[in-house]
Amino acid sequence: MLELDSSGRASAAHAYRETLRRLGPLLGGLLLLALADAVLDLTIVGLPIAIWLTIRWSLLAQAVAVEGESATGSLRRSARLVRNRWWRTASLTVFVTGLALLLGPFVGAVLLSVTTASFDVVNLASDLVYVVALPFAAIATTYLYFDLVSRQEAVASREPRGLAPPRSAPRG
């Protein structure tokens, strides 16, 4: 998306090269998220915390890809972006990703019930739905990432930095 924005052109080959360059931090961040979720999911009390953390760290891939963050840096950056916008992030992420993940099985179930196609053909059709739907989910969460970045920058630009509070005028 950055390449498209800067030059008006983008290529899949360039996107794959950039992804491979940043694969280590991306996998490291995902591993940390998975470990934290796995440990927290062991108890009923930890489940809400695991959900909260998953949403809080849901933009780690964008932090790695766009900003070149490390594994732990991407988790911190995602947390800073999601802070005060957790519900917005959760609703969009769950809706878009959930829809993309459920669309394949839904299409498969419909095809199984209304056609006489073999299971392999139905499976292929639902896989093709995934191939189309999941990139749209990634694009939507990337737009969310850029929205949160721009909101954070707008708030930061309105805050005076390092200025002393104004003194009242002397009375005379």
N, C-alpha and C. Protein backbone atom coordinates (compact mmCIF):
# COMPACT_ATOMS: atom_id res chain seq x y z
N MET A 1 0.82 -1.19 0.00
CA MET A 1 0.00 0.00 0.00
C MET A 1 0.87 1.25 0.00
N LEU A 2 1.99 1.19 0.69
CA LEU A 2 2.90 2.34 0.71
C LEU A 2 3.46 2.60 -0.68
N GLU A 3 3.84 1.54 -1.37
CA GLU A 3 4.37 1.66 -2.72
C GLU A 3 3.33 2.24 -3.66
N LEU A 4 2.12 1.79 -3.53
CA LEU A 4 1.03 2.29 -4.36
C LEU A 4 0.77 3.77 -4.08
N ASP A 5 0.84 4.15 -2.83
CA ASP A 5 0.61 5.53 -2.44
C ASP A 5 1.73 6.45 -2.92
N SER A 6 2.97 5.98 -2.84
CA SER A 6 4.10 6.85 -3.18
C SER A 6 4.33 6.98 -4.69
N SER A 7 4.21 5.88 -5.42
CA SER A 7 4.52 5.93 -6.85
C SER A 7 3.34 5.68 -7.76
N GLY A 8 2.22 5.27 -7.19
CA GLY A 8 1.06 4.95 -8.01
C GLY A 8 1.11 3.57 -8.61
N ARG A 9 2.18 2.82 -8.33
CA ARG A 9 2.32 1.47 -8.85
C ARG A 9 2.76 0.55 -7.72
N ALA A 10 2.36 -0.68 -7.81
CA ALA A 10 2.79 -1.69 -6.83
C ALA A 10 2.94 -3.02 -7.56
N SER A 11 3.85 -3.84 -7.07
CA SER A 11 4.02 -5.15 -7.69
C SER A 11 4.03 -6.22 -6.61
N ALA A 12 3.55 -7.37 -6.98
CA ALA A 12 3.53 -8.49 -6.05
C ALA A 12 4.95 -8.93 -5.71
N ALA A 13 5.85 -8.89 -6.67
CA ALA A 13 7.23 -9.31 -6.42
C ALA A 13 7.89 -8.42 -5.37
N HIS A 14 7.66 -7.11 -5.47
CA HIS A 14 8.23 -6.19 -4.47
C HIS A 14 7.61 -6.45 -3.09
N ALA A 15 6.32 -6.69 -3.06
CA ALA A 15 5.65 -6.97 -1.78
C ALA A 15 6.20 -8.24 -1.14
N TYR A 16 6.43 -9.28 -1.93
CA TYR A 16 6.98 -10.52 -1.39
C TYR A 16 8.42 -10.32 -0.90
N ARG A 17 9.22 -9.56 -1.64
CA ARG A 17 10.59 -9.29 -1.19
C ARG A 17 10.59 -8.55 0.14
N GLU A 18 9.73 -7.56 0.27
CA GLU A 18 9.66 -6.80 1.52
C GLU A 18 9.16 -7.68 2.67
N THR A 19 8.23 -8.56 2.38
CA THR A 19 7.73 -9.47 3.40
C THR A 19 8.82 -10.42 3.87
N LEU A 20 9.59 -10.96 2.94
CA LEU A 20 10.67 -11.88 3.31
C LEU A 20 11.75 -11.17 4.13
N ARG A 21 12.01 -9.90 3.82
CA ARG A 21 12.99 -9.14 4.60
C ARG A 21 12.55 -8.97 6.05
N ARG A 22 11.27 -8.90 6.27
CA ARG A 22 10.74 -8.63 7.61
C ARG A 22 10.08 -9.85 8.24
N LEU A 23 10.35 -11.01 7.69
CA LEU A 23 9.70 -12.24 8.16
C LEU A 23 10.09 -12.58 9.60
N GLY A 24 11.36 -12.39 9.96
CA GLY A 24 11.81 -12.71 11.32
C GLY A 24 11.05 -11.94 12.39
N PRO A 25 11.02 -10.61 12.32
CA PRO A 25 10.25 -9.86 13.33
C PRO A 25 8.76 -10.18 13.31
N LEU A 26 8.21 -10.42 12.12
CA LEU A 26 6.79 -10.75 12.03
C LEU A 26 6.49 -12.07 12.73
N LEU A 27 7.29 -13.10 12.43
CA LEU A 27 7.08 -14.40 13.08
C LEU A 27 7.37 -14.32 14.58
N GLY A 28 8.36 -13.53 14.97
CA GLY A 28 8.66 -13.36 16.39
C GLY A 28 7.50 -12.73 17.14
N GLY A 29 6.90 -11.68 16.57
CA GLY A 29 5.74 -11.03 17.20
C GLY A 29 4.56 -11.97 17.28
N LEU A 30 4.32 -12.72 16.20
CA LEU A 30 3.21 -13.68 16.20
C LEU A 30 3.45 -14.79 17.22
N LEU A 31 4.70 -15.22 17.36
CA LEU A 31 5.02 -16.25 18.35
C LEU A 31 4.78 -15.74 19.77
N LEU A 32 5.19 -14.52 20.05
CA LEU A 32 4.95 -13.94 21.38
C LEU A 32 3.45 -13.82 21.67
N LEU A 33 2.69 -13.39 20.67
CA LEU A 33 1.24 -13.30 20.83
C LEU A 33 0.63 -14.68 21.07
N ALA A 34 1.05 -15.66 20.29
CA ALA A 34 0.51 -17.02 20.43
C ALA A 34 0.86 -17.62 21.80
N LEU A 35 2.09 -17.39 22.26
CA LEU A 35 2.48 -17.91 23.58
C LEU A 35 1.67 -17.26 24.70
N ALA A 36 1.53 -15.95 24.63
CA ALA A 36 0.74 -15.25 25.65
C ALA A 36 -0.70 -15.74 25.64
N ASP A 37 -1.28 -15.88 24.46
CA ASP A 37 -2.66 -16.37 24.37
C ASP A 37 -2.78 -17.80 24.87
N ALA A 38 -1.82 -18.65 24.53
CA ALA A 38 -1.88 -20.05 24.96
C ALA A 38 -1.83 -20.16 26.48
N VAL A 39 -0.95 -19.40 27.10
CA VAL A 39 -0.83 -19.44 28.57
C VAL A 39 -2.10 -18.89 29.21
N LEU A 40 -2.61 -17.78 28.69
CA LEU A 40 -3.80 -17.17 29.28
C LEU A 40 -5.06 -17.99 29.03
N ASP A 41 -5.12 -18.72 27.92
CA ASP A 41 -6.28 -19.54 27.61
C ASP A 41 -6.41 -20.77 28.50
N LEU A 42 -5.39 -21.05 29.29
CA LEU A 42 -5.44 -22.22 30.16
C LEU A 42 -6.43 -22.06 31.30
N THR A 43 -6.77 -20.84 31.63
CA THR A 43 -7.72 -20.60 32.72
C THR A 43 -8.89 -19.79 32.20
N ILE A 44 -10.01 -19.92 32.86
CA ILE A 44 -11.19 -19.14 32.49
C ILE A 44 -10.96 -17.66 32.77
N VAL A 45 -10.24 -17.35 33.82
CA VAL A 45 -9.95 -15.96 34.16
C VAL A 45 -9.04 -15.34 33.11
N GLY A 46 -8.14 -16.11 32.55
CA GLY A 46 -7.20 -15.59 31.57
C GLY A 46 -7.78 -15.37 30.19
N LEU A 47 -8.92 -16.00 29.89
CA LEU A 47 -9.52 -15.88 28.56
C LEU A 47 -9.86 -14.43 28.19
N PRO A 48 -10.53 -13.66 29.04
CA PRO A 48 -10.79 -12.25 28.66
C PRO A 48 -9.50 -11.44 28.47
N ILE A 49 -8.49 -11.75 29.25
CA ILE A 49 -7.21 -11.05 29.10
C ILE A 49 -6.58 -11.43 27.76
N ALA A 50 -6.70 -12.70 27.38
CA ALA A 50 -6.16 -13.15 26.09
C ALA A 50 -6.87 -12.45 24.94
N ILE A 51 -8.18 -12.29 25.03
CA ILE A 51 -8.93 -11.59 23.99
C ILE A 51 -8.49 -10.13 23.94
N TRP A 52 -8.37 -9.51 25.10
CA TRP A 52 -7.94 -8.11 25.17
C TRP A 52 -6.55 -7.94 24.54
N LEU A 53 -5.63 -8.84 24.88
CA LEU A 53 -4.27 -8.77 24.34
C LEU A 53 -4.25 -9.00 22.83
N THR A 54 -5.05 -9.93 22.36
CA THR A 54 -5.09 -10.23 20.93
C THR A 54 -5.51 -9.00 20.13
N ILE A 55 -6.52 -8.30 20.61
CA ILE A 55 -6.95 -7.07 19.93
C ILE A 55 -5.89 -5.99 20.09
N ARG A 56 -5.34 -5.88 21.27
CA ARG A 56 -4.32 -4.86 21.55
C ARG A 56 -3.10 -5.03 20.63
N TRP A 57 -2.75 -6.27 20.32
CA TRP A 57 -1.58 -6.56 19.49
C TRP A 57 -1.95 -6.92 18.05
N SER A 58 -3.19 -6.68 17.66
CA SER A 58 -3.66 -7.13 16.34
C SER A 58 -3.03 -6.39 15.17
N LEU A 59 -2.38 -5.27 15.41
CA LEU A 59 -1.77 -4.50 14.33
C LEU A 59 -0.25 -4.70 14.27
N LEU A 60 0.23 -5.79 14.86
CA LEU A 60 1.67 -6.03 14.88
C LEU A 60 2.23 -6.24 13.47
N ALA A 61 1.49 -6.88 12.60
CA ALA A 61 1.99 -7.11 11.23
C ALA A 61 2.20 -5.80 10.49
N GLN A 62 1.27 -4.87 10.66
CA GLN A 62 1.42 -3.56 10.01
C GLN A 62 2.58 -2.78 10.61
N ALA A 63 2.78 -2.90 11.92
CA ALA A 63 3.90 -2.20 12.56
C ALA A 63 5.23 -2.73 12.04
N VAL A 64 5.31 -4.03 11.79
CA VAL A 64 6.53 -4.62 11.24
C VAL A 64 6.70 -4.20 9.78
N ALA A 65 5.63 -4.34 8.99
CA ALA A 65 5.73 -4.09 7.55
C ALA A 65 5.92 -2.62 7.22
N VAL A 66 5.20 -1.75 7.89
CA VAL A 66 5.23 -0.33 7.54
C VAL A 66 6.36 0.41 8.25
N GLU A 67 6.53 0.13 9.54
CA GLU A 67 7.48 0.90 10.33
C GLU A 67 8.78 0.17 10.59
N GLY A 68 8.87 -1.11 10.19
CA GLY A 68 10.09 -1.86 10.37
C GLY A 68 10.40 -2.19 11.82
N GLU A 69 9.37 -2.30 12.63
CA GLU A 69 9.55 -2.58 14.06
C GLU A 69 10.08 -4.00 14.27
N SER A 70 10.70 -4.21 15.42
CA SER A 70 11.14 -5.56 15.83
C SER A 70 9.93 -6.32 16.34
N ALA A 71 10.16 -7.56 16.75
CA ALA A 71 9.05 -8.38 17.26
C ALA A 71 8.40 -7.73 18.48
N THR A 72 9.20 -7.38 19.47
CA THR A 72 8.62 -6.76 20.67
C THR A 72 8.21 -5.31 20.39
N GLY A 73 8.95 -4.63 19.53
CA GLY A 73 8.59 -3.26 19.17
C GLY A 73 7.25 -3.19 18.46
N SER A 74 6.95 -4.20 17.65
CA SER A 74 5.67 -4.21 16.95
C SER A 74 4.51 -4.39 17.92
N LEU A 75 4.73 -5.19 18.96
CA LEU A 75 3.68 -5.37 19.97
C LEU A 75 3.45 -4.07 20.73
N ARG A 76 4.54 -3.39 21.08
CA ARG A 76 4.41 -2.11 21.78
C ARG A 76 3.73 -1.06 20.90
N ARG A 77 4.13 -1.01 19.62
CA ARG A 77 3.54 -0.03 18.70
C ARG A 77 2.06 -0.29 18.50
N SER A 78 1.69 -1.54 18.31
CA SER A 78 0.29 -1.89 18.16
C SER A 78 -0.49 -1.49 19.41
N ALA A 79 0.07 -1.75 20.58
CA ALA A 79 -0.60 -1.39 21.83
C ALA A 79 -0.80 0.11 21.94
N ARG A 80 0.20 0.90 21.53
CA ARG A 80 0.06 2.37 21.57
C ARG A 80 -1.03 2.84 20.62
N LEU A 81 -1.11 2.24 19.45
CA LEU A 81 -2.12 2.64 18.48
C LEU A 81 -3.53 2.28 18.93
N VAL A 82 -3.67 1.11 19.54
CA VAL A 82 -4.99 0.63 19.93
C VAL A 82 -5.47 1.30 21.23
N ARG A 83 -4.55 1.81 22.02
CA ARG A 83 -4.93 2.46 23.28
C ARG A 83 -6.00 3.52 23.02
N ASN A 84 -7.02 3.52 23.82
CA ASN A 84 -8.18 4.42 23.72
C ASN A 84 -9.03 4.18 22.48
N ARG A 85 -8.71 3.19 21.70
CA ARG A 85 -9.49 2.83 20.51
C ARG A 85 -9.69 1.31 20.45
N TRP A 86 -9.69 0.67 21.61
CA TRP A 86 -9.77 -0.79 21.65
C TRP A 86 -11.08 -1.29 21.04
N TRP A 87 -12.21 -0.67 21.41
CA TRP A 87 -13.50 -1.15 20.90
C TRP A 87 -13.62 -0.95 19.40
N ARG A 88 -13.13 0.15 18.91
CA ARG A 88 -13.14 0.39 17.46
C ARG A 88 -12.31 -0.67 16.75
N THR A 89 -11.12 -0.91 17.26
CA THR A 89 -10.23 -1.91 16.68
C THR A 89 -10.85 -3.30 16.76
N ALA A 90 -11.40 -3.63 17.91
CA ALA A 90 -11.99 -4.96 18.10
C ALA A 90 -13.17 -5.17 17.15
N SER A 91 -14.06 -4.20 17.07
CA SER A 91 -15.25 -4.39 16.24
C SER A 91 -14.88 -4.54 14.77
N LEU A 92 -13.98 -3.70 14.27
CA LEU A 92 -13.61 -3.80 12.87
C LEU A 92 -12.82 -5.07 12.59
N THR A 93 -11.87 -5.37 13.44
CA THR A 93 -11.02 -6.55 13.22
C THR A 93 -11.84 -7.84 13.29
N VAL A 94 -12.67 -7.96 14.30
CA VAL A 94 -13.47 -9.18 14.45
C VAL A 94 -14.47 -9.31 13.32
N PHE A 95 -15.12 -8.20 12.95
CA PHE A 95 -16.11 -8.27 11.88
C PHE A 95 -15.46 -8.65 10.54
N VAL A 96 -14.43 -7.93 10.15
CA VAL A 96 -13.82 -8.15 8.84
C VAL A 96 -13.12 -9.51 8.77
N THR A 97 -12.32 -9.82 9.77
CA THR A 97 -11.61 -11.09 9.77
C THR A 97 -12.57 -12.26 9.94
N GLY A 98 -13.54 -12.10 10.83
CA GLY A 98 -14.54 -13.15 11.03
C GLY A 98 -15.33 -13.43 9.76
N LEU A 99 -15.73 -12.36 9.09
CA LEU A 99 -16.47 -12.53 7.84
C LEU A 99 -15.61 -13.24 6.80
N ALA A 100 -14.37 -12.84 6.68
CA ALA A 100 -13.48 -13.48 5.70
C ALA A 100 -13.26 -14.96 6.02
N LEU A 101 -13.12 -15.28 7.32
CA LEU A 101 -12.89 -16.67 7.70
C LEU A 101 -14.15 -17.54 7.59
N LEU A 102 -15.31 -16.95 7.80
CA LEU A 102 -16.56 -17.72 7.75
C LEU A 102 -17.13 -17.85 6.34
N LEU A 103 -16.69 -16.97 5.44
CA LEU A 103 -17.25 -16.98 4.10
C LEU A 103 -16.94 -18.27 3.35
N GLY A 104 -15.72 -18.79 3.49
CA GLY A 104 -15.35 -20.04 2.81
C GLY A 104 -16.21 -21.22 3.23
N PRO A 105 -16.30 -21.51 4.54
CA PRO A 105 -17.17 -22.62 4.97
C PRO A 105 -18.64 -22.40 4.61
N PHE A 106 -19.10 -21.15 4.65
CA PHE A 106 -20.49 -20.87 4.29
C PHE A 106 -20.74 -21.23 2.83
N VAL A 107 -19.86 -20.78 1.94
CA VAL A 107 -20.00 -21.10 0.52
C VAL A 107 -19.92 -22.61 0.32
N GLY A 108 -18.99 -23.26 1.02
CA GLY A 108 -18.87 -24.72 0.92
C GLY A 108 -20.14 -25.43 1.36
N ALA A 109 -20.73 -24.99 2.48
CA ALA A 109 -21.96 -25.62 2.97
C ALA A 109 -23.11 -25.41 1.99
N VAL A 110 -23.21 -24.22 1.44
CA VAL A 110 -24.28 -23.96 0.47
C VAL A 110 -24.08 -24.83 -0.77
N LEU A 111 -22.84 -24.90 -1.26
CA LEU A 111 -22.59 -25.73 -2.45
C LEU A 111 -22.87 -27.20 -2.18
N LEU A 112 -22.52 -27.68 -1.00
CA LEU A 112 -22.80 -29.08 -0.68
C LEU A 112 -24.29 -29.37 -0.63
N SER A 113 -25.06 -28.40 -0.16
CA SER A 113 -26.49 -28.66 0.01
C SER A 113 -27.30 -28.41 -1.26
N VAL A 114 -26.83 -27.58 -2.18
CA VAL A 114 -27.65 -27.27 -3.35
C VAL A 114 -27.11 -27.85 -4.66
N THR A 115 -25.91 -28.42 -4.63
CA THR A 115 -25.36 -29.00 -5.86
C THR A 115 -25.01 -30.46 -5.62
N THR A 116 -24.69 -31.12 -6.69
CA THR A 116 -24.23 -32.50 -6.58
C THR A 116 -22.73 -32.59 -6.79
N ALA A 117 -22.06 -31.46 -6.64
CA ALA A 117 -20.61 -31.41 -6.83
C ALA A 117 -19.92 -32.30 -5.80
N SER A 118 -18.78 -32.83 -6.19
CA SER A 118 -18.02 -33.68 -5.28
C SER A 118 -17.44 -32.84 -4.14
N PHE A 119 -17.06 -33.52 -3.08
CA PHE A 119 -16.49 -32.83 -1.93
C PHE A 119 -15.22 -32.07 -2.32
N ASP A 120 -14.41 -32.64 -3.20
CA ASP A 120 -13.18 -31.98 -3.63
C ASP A 120 -13.46 -30.68 -4.37
N VAL A 121 -14.48 -30.67 -5.22
CA VAL A 121 -14.84 -29.46 -5.96
C VAL A 121 -15.36 -28.39 -5.01
N VAL A 122 -16.19 -28.80 -4.06
CA VAL A 122 -16.71 -27.85 -3.07
C VAL A 122 -15.57 -27.29 -2.22
N ASN A 123 -14.65 -28.15 -1.84
CA ASN A 123 -13.50 -27.71 -1.05
C ASN A 123 -12.66 -26.71 -1.85
N LEU A 124 -12.46 -26.97 -3.12
CA LEU A 124 -11.72 -26.05 -3.98
C LEU A 124 -12.44 -24.70 -4.08
N ALA A 125 -13.75 -24.75 -4.22
CA ALA A 125 -14.52 -23.50 -4.32
C ALA A 125 -14.41 -22.69 -3.03
N SER A 126 -14.50 -23.35 -1.89
CA SER A 126 -14.39 -22.59 -0.64
C SER A 126 -12.96 -22.08 -0.43
N ASP A 127 -11.97 -22.81 -0.91
CA ASP A 127 -10.58 -22.32 -0.86
C ASP A 127 -10.40 -21.08 -1.73
N LEU A 128 -11.04 -21.06 -2.88
CA LEU A 128 -10.97 -19.89 -3.75
C LEU A 128 -11.62 -18.67 -3.09
N VAL A 129 -12.68 -18.90 -2.34
CA VAL A 129 -13.31 -17.81 -1.60
C VAL A 129 -12.32 -17.25 -0.58
N TYR A 130 -11.59 -18.12 0.11
CA TYR A 130 -10.55 -17.65 1.04
C TYR A 130 -9.49 -16.82 0.33
N VAL A 131 -9.08 -17.28 -0.83
CA VAL A 131 -8.03 -16.58 -1.59
C VAL A 131 -8.47 -15.16 -1.91
N VAL A 132 -9.75 -14.96 -2.13
CA VAL A 132 -10.26 -13.63 -2.44
C VAL A 132 -10.56 -12.84 -1.16
N ALA A 133 -11.15 -13.48 -0.16
CA ALA A 133 -11.65 -12.76 1.02
C ALA A 133 -10.54 -12.35 1.99
N LEU A 134 -9.56 -13.20 2.22
CA LEU A 134 -8.55 -12.88 3.22
C LEU A 134 -7.69 -11.67 2.88
N PRO A 135 -7.31 -11.45 1.61
CA PRO A 135 -6.60 -10.19 1.33
C PRO A 135 -7.44 -8.95 1.62
N PHE A 136 -8.75 -9.02 1.41
CA PHE A 136 -9.60 -7.89 1.75
C PHE A 136 -9.59 -7.62 3.25
N ALA A 137 -9.55 -8.67 4.04
CA ALA A 137 -9.46 -8.50 5.50
C ALA A 137 -8.14 -7.84 5.87
N ALA A 138 -7.06 -8.26 5.22
CA ALA A 138 -5.75 -7.66 5.48
C ALA A 138 -5.74 -6.19 5.07
N ILE A 139 -6.37 -5.87 3.95
CA ILE A 139 -6.43 -4.48 3.49
C ILE A 139 -7.24 -3.64 4.46
N ALA A 140 -8.35 -4.17 4.93
CA ALA A 140 -9.19 -3.42 5.88
C ALA A 140 -8.45 -3.15 7.18
N THR A 141 -7.72 -4.14 7.70
CA THR A 141 -6.99 -3.89 8.95
C THR A 141 -5.81 -2.96 8.71
N THR A 142 -5.25 -2.96 7.51
CA THR A 142 -4.19 -2.00 7.20
C THR A 142 -4.75 -0.58 7.13
N TYR A 143 -5.93 -0.42 6.56
CA TYR A 143 -6.57 0.90 6.58
C TYR A 143 -6.86 1.33 8.01
N LEU A 144 -7.28 0.40 8.85
CA LEU A 144 -7.49 0.72 10.26
C LEU A 144 -6.18 1.18 10.89
N TYR A 145 -5.10 0.50 10.58
CA TYR A 145 -3.78 0.88 11.10
C TYR A 145 -3.46 2.33 10.71
N PHE A 146 -3.60 2.66 9.42
CA PHE A 146 -3.30 4.02 8.97
C PHE A 146 -4.24 5.04 9.61
N ASP A 147 -5.49 4.67 9.81
CA ASP A 147 -6.43 5.57 10.47
C ASP A 147 -5.99 5.85 11.90
N LEU A 148 -5.60 4.81 12.61
CA LEU A 148 -5.16 5.00 13.99
C LEU A 148 -3.86 5.80 14.06
N VAL A 149 -2.95 5.58 13.11
CA VAL A 149 -1.71 6.37 13.07
C VAL A 149 -2.04 7.83 12.85
N SER A 150 -2.91 8.13 11.89
CA SER A 150 -3.23 9.53 11.61
C SER A 150 -3.96 10.17 12.78
N ARG A 151 -4.81 9.43 13.47
CA ARG A 151 -5.48 9.98 14.66
C ARG A 151 -4.47 10.25 15.77
N GLN A 152 -3.52 9.35 15.95
CA GLN A 152 -2.49 9.55 16.97
C GLN A 152 -1.63 10.77 16.64
N GLU A 153 -1.28 10.92 15.38
CA GLU A 153 -0.48 12.08 14.97
C GLU A 153 -1.26 13.38 15.13
N ALA A 154 -2.57 13.35 14.86
CA ALA A 154 -3.39 14.55 15.01
C ALA A 154 -3.48 14.97 16.48
N VAL A 155 -3.63 14.00 17.36
CA VAL A 155 -3.67 14.30 18.78
C VAL A 155 -2.33 14.84 19.25
N ALA A 156 -1.25 14.24 18.77
CA ALA A 156 0.09 14.68 19.18
C ALA A 156 0.39 16.09 18.68
N SER A 157 -0.12 16.46 17.51
CA SER A 157 0.15 17.79 16.97
C SER A 157 -0.62 18.87 17.71
N ARG A 158 -1.71 18.50 18.37
CA ARG A 158 -2.49 19.48 19.12
C ARG A 158 -1.95 19.72 20.52
N GLU A 159 -1.12 18.80 21.01
CA GLU A 159 -0.58 18.93 22.36
C GLU A 159 0.68 19.78 22.33
N PRO A 160 0.74 20.78 23.17
CA PRO A 160 1.99 21.54 23.23
C PRO A 160 3.09 20.68 23.83
N ARG A 161 4.27 20.77 23.26
CA ARG A 161 5.38 19.94 23.72
C ARG A 161 6.40 20.76 24.47
N GLY A 162 6.62 20.42 25.71
CA GLY A 162 7.68 21.02 26.50
C GLY A 162 7.47 22.49 26.82
N LEU A 163 6.27 22.97 26.66
CA LEU A 163 6.00 24.36 26.96
C LEU A 163 5.50 24.49 28.39
N ALA A 164 5.93 25.52 29.04
CA ALA A 164 5.44 25.77 30.39
C ALA A 164 4.02 26.32 30.28
N PRO A 165 3.19 26.04 31.27
CA PRO A 165 1.83 26.59 31.22
C PRO A 165 1.89 28.11 31.24
N PRO A 166 0.94 28.76 30.56
CA PRO A 166 0.99 30.21 30.52
C PRO A 166 0.79 30.81 31.91
N ARG A 167 1.58 31.84 32.17
CA ARG A 167 1.45 32.53 33.46
C ARG A 167 0.41 33.61 33.31
N SER A 168 -0.25 33.86 34.40
CA SER A 168 -1.24 34.94 34.35
C SER A 168 -0.52 36.29 34.31
N ALA A 169 -1.14 37.24 33.71
CA ALA A 169 -0.54 38.56 33.56
C ALA A 169 -0.44 39.23 34.93
N PRO A 170 0.65 39.96 35.17
CA PRO A 170 0.77 40.63 36.47
C PRO A 170 -0.32 41.69 36.63
N ARG A 171 -0.80 41.75 37.84
CA ARG A 171 -1.85 42.73 38.13
C ARG A 171 -1.20 44.06 38.50
N GLY A 172 -1.76 45.09 38.04
CA GLY A 172 -1.10 46.33 38.33
C GLY A 172 -1.93 47.46 38.56
